[in-house]
N, C-alpha and C. Protein backbone atom coordinates (compact mmCIF):
# COMPACT_ATOMS: atom_id res chain seq x y z
N MET A 1 31.75 9.98 -44.02
CA MET A 1 32.72 9.35 -45.49
C MET A 1 34.22 8.64 -44.93
N SER A 2 34.39 7.56 -44.86
CA SER A 2 35.89 7.45 -44.70
C SER A 2 36.91 7.66 -46.19
N ASP A 3 37.92 7.93 -45.66
CA ASP A 3 38.72 8.17 -47.10
C ASP A 3 38.76 6.58 -47.21
N ASN A 4 39.26 5.61 -46.78
CA ASN A 4 39.55 4.20 -47.85
C ASN A 4 38.08 3.92 -48.19
N GLY A 5 36.91 4.08 -47.56
CA GLY A 5 35.71 3.89 -48.16
C GLY A 5 35.87 4.50 -50.18
N PHE A 6 36.33 5.75 -49.54
CA PHE A 6 35.86 6.63 -50.93
C PHE A 6 36.59 6.34 -52.04
N VAL A 7 38.51 6.46 -51.20
CA VAL A 7 39.17 5.32 -52.65
C VAL A 7 38.84 4.12 -53.03
N ASP A 8 38.15 3.14 -52.22
CA ASP A 8 37.79 1.85 -53.22
C ASP A 8 36.76 1.98 -54.12
N LYS A 9 35.76 3.06 -53.25
CA LYS A 9 34.80 3.65 -54.15
C LYS A 9 35.02 4.35 -55.73
N ALA A 10 36.15 5.01 -55.64
CA ALA A 10 36.73 5.78 -57.36
C ALA A 10 37.50 4.45 -57.63
N LYS A 11 38.24 3.59 -57.24
CA LYS A 11 38.86 2.93 -58.34
C LYS A 11 38.12 1.74 -58.62
N GLY A 12 37.08 1.37 -57.66
CA GLY A 12 35.79 0.45 -58.59
C GLY A 12 35.21 0.83 -59.48
N GLU A 13 35.21 2.26 -59.49
CA GLU A 13 34.26 2.67 -60.40
C GLU A 13 34.89 3.21 -61.63
N VAL A 14 36.32 3.55 -61.46
CA VAL A 14 37.25 3.29 -62.85
C VAL A 14 37.34 1.93 -63.45
N LYS A 15 37.37 1.27 -62.48
CA LYS A 15 37.58 -0.15 -63.11
C LYS A 15 36.63 -0.92 -63.82
N GLU A 16 35.40 -0.59 -63.32
CA GLU A 16 34.15 -1.38 -63.49
C GLU A 16 34.25 -0.37 -65.26
N ASN A 17 34.25 0.90 -65.18
CA ASN A 17 34.09 1.39 -66.89
C ASN A 17 35.11 1.09 -68.02
N VAL A 18 36.28 0.75 -67.10
CA VAL A 18 37.12 0.16 -68.29
C VAL A 18 37.02 -1.14 -68.85
N GLY A 19 36.61 -1.84 -67.56
CA GLY A 19 36.43 -3.29 -68.01
C GLY A 19 34.91 -2.93 -69.36
N LYS A 20 34.41 -2.42 -69.18
CA LYS A 20 33.01 -2.41 -70.09
C LYS A 20 33.70 -1.64 -71.40
N VAL A 21 34.33 -0.65 -71.24
CA VAL A 21 34.51 -0.44 -72.23
C VAL A 21 35.62 -0.81 -73.35
N VAL A 22 36.43 -1.84 -72.30
CA VAL A 22 37.30 -2.72 -73.26
C VAL A 22 36.66 -4.18 -73.16
N GLY A 23 35.56 -4.47 -72.80
CA GLY A 23 35.25 -5.39 -72.77
C GLY A 23 35.42 -6.69 -72.00
N ASP A 24 35.81 -6.34 -70.79
CA ASP A 24 36.72 -7.04 -69.83
C ASP A 24 35.92 -7.43 -68.60
N THR A 25 35.04 -8.56 -68.67
CA THR A 25 34.04 -8.81 -67.86
C THR A 25 34.94 -8.77 -66.35
N LYS A 26 35.81 -9.62 -66.38
CA LYS A 26 36.88 -9.49 -65.20
C LYS A 26 37.16 -8.20 -64.35
N THR A 27 37.46 -7.46 -64.97
CA THR A 27 37.81 -6.29 -64.64
C THR A 27 36.44 -5.31 -64.21
N GLN A 28 35.28 -5.37 -65.21
CA GLN A 28 34.09 -5.21 -64.73
C GLN A 28 33.88 -5.41 -63.25
N SER A 29 33.85 -6.70 -63.30
CA SER A 29 33.45 -7.63 -61.96
C SER A 29 34.27 -7.26 -60.20
N GLU A 30 36.18 -7.00 -60.73
CA GLU A 30 36.65 -6.71 -59.65
C GLU A 30 35.79 -4.98 -59.33
N GLY A 31 36.02 -4.39 -60.43
CA GLY A 31 35.33 -3.29 -60.09
C GLY A 31 33.98 -2.66 -59.01
N MET A 32 33.25 -3.76 -59.28
CA MET A 32 31.84 -3.73 -58.86
C MET A 32 32.38 -4.12 -57.55
N VAL A 33 32.97 -4.90 -57.49
CA VAL A 33 33.31 -5.83 -55.99
C VAL A 33 34.18 -4.53 -55.00
N ASP A 34 35.00 -4.12 -55.46
CA ASP A 34 35.68 -2.52 -54.67
C ASP A 34 34.78 -1.86 -54.75
N LYS A 35 33.79 -1.60 -55.26
CA LYS A 35 32.49 -0.28 -55.04
C LYS A 35 31.80 -1.07 -53.85
N ALA A 36 31.75 -1.85 -53.61
CA ALA A 36 30.63 -2.74 -52.74
C ALA A 36 31.91 -2.63 -51.56
N VAL A 37 33.06 -2.91 -51.72
CA VAL A 37 33.92 -2.81 -50.52
C VAL A 37 34.09 -1.75 -50.05
N GLY A 38 34.24 -0.76 -50.45
CA GLY A 38 34.07 1.03 -50.54
C GLY A 38 32.91 1.58 -49.74
N GLY A 39 31.79 0.94 -50.15
CA GLY A 39 30.12 0.96 -49.60
C GLY A 39 30.61 1.03 -48.12
N VAL A 40 30.89 -0.54 -47.50
CA VAL A 40 30.93 -1.38 -46.48
C VAL A 40 31.86 -0.62 -45.57
N LYS A 41 32.51 0.16 -46.11
CA LYS A 41 33.73 -0.03 -45.31
C LYS A 41 33.41 2.05 -44.83
N ASP A 42 32.93 2.54 -45.87
CA ASP A 42 32.02 3.74 -44.79
C ASP A 42 30.88 3.61 -44.53
N ALA A 43 29.77 2.39 -44.09
CA ALA A 43 28.84 1.80 -43.50
C ALA A 43 29.53 1.49 -41.72
N VAL A 44 30.63 1.23 -42.05
CA VAL A 44 31.50 0.60 -40.85
C VAL A 44 31.67 1.60 -39.89
N HIS A 45 32.11 2.76 -41.24
CA HIS A 45 33.21 3.95 -39.89
C HIS A 45 32.13 4.73 -39.72
N ASP A 46 30.77 4.85 -39.95
CA ASP A 46 29.49 5.57 -39.92
C ASP A 46 28.90 4.83 -38.16
N MET A 47 28.83 3.57 -38.34
CA MET A 47 27.92 2.65 -37.72
C MET A 47 29.82 3.13 -36.13
N SER A 48 30.91 3.37 -36.68
CA SER A 48 31.57 3.63 -35.21
C SER A 48 31.16 4.91 -34.97
N ASN A 49 31.06 5.40 -35.83
CA ASN A 49 30.95 7.17 -35.09
C ASN A 49 29.71 7.35 -35.04
N ALA A 50 28.37 6.68 -35.14
CA ALA A 50 27.71 7.21 -34.14
C ALA A 50 27.36 5.99 -32.32
N ILE A 51 28.41 4.86 -32.91
CA ILE A 51 28.74 4.70 -31.99
C ILE A 51 29.04 5.39 -30.17
N ASP A 52 30.41 6.06 -30.68
CA ASP A 52 31.38 7.00 -30.28
C ASP A 52 30.24 8.18 -29.88
N GLY A 53 29.48 8.75 -30.20
CA GLY A 53 28.32 9.26 -29.74
C GLY A 53 27.52 9.66 -29.21
N ALA A 54 27.26 8.03 -29.05
CA ALA A 54 26.45 7.15 -28.14
C ALA A 54 26.81 7.25 -26.79
N VAL A 55 28.32 6.60 -26.53
CA VAL A 55 28.84 6.09 -25.40
C VAL A 55 29.44 7.69 -24.65
N ASP A 56 29.46 8.71 -25.58
CA ASP A 56 30.20 10.46 -24.70
C ASP A 56 28.39 10.85 -24.19
N SER A 57 27.41 10.25 -25.24
CA SER A 57 26.54 10.80 -24.41
C SER A 57 26.01 10.24 -23.16
N ILE A 58 26.21 9.06 -23.27
CA ILE A 58 25.88 8.53 -22.05
C ILE A 58 26.64 8.56 -20.95
N LYS A 59 28.35 8.56 -20.93
CA LYS A 59 29.45 9.23 -20.10
C LYS A 59 28.79 10.94 -19.45
N LYS A 60 28.20 11.48 -20.29
CA LYS A 60 27.90 13.07 -20.02
C LYS A 60 26.66 12.66 -19.17
N LYS A 61 25.49 11.70 -19.48
CA LYS A 61 24.60 11.63 -18.35
C LYS A 61 24.63 11.45 -16.71
N PHE A 62 25.87 10.42 -16.54
CA PHE A 62 26.26 10.08 -15.55
C PHE A 62 27.79 10.46 -14.79
N GLN A 63 28.20 12.06 -15.50
CA GLN A 63 28.74 12.93 -15.01
C GLN A 63 28.04 13.80 -14.09
N ASP A 64 27.26 14.03 -14.80
CA ASP A 64 26.33 15.46 -14.09
C ASP A 64 25.63 15.48 -13.11
């Protein structure tokens, strides 16, 4: 999990809940978007790590 994704998801959770409490649908929607952005950042980070691992594995096979 990337730190940026975590921060966006946490910020989104707060905004969404504040929006619900005060009845502000715009803030609530912004929170939902922030949470989605955080999820995408985490997914991209995870894919990047997987690709790096695959590249390292392939490099090792050719070095042996």
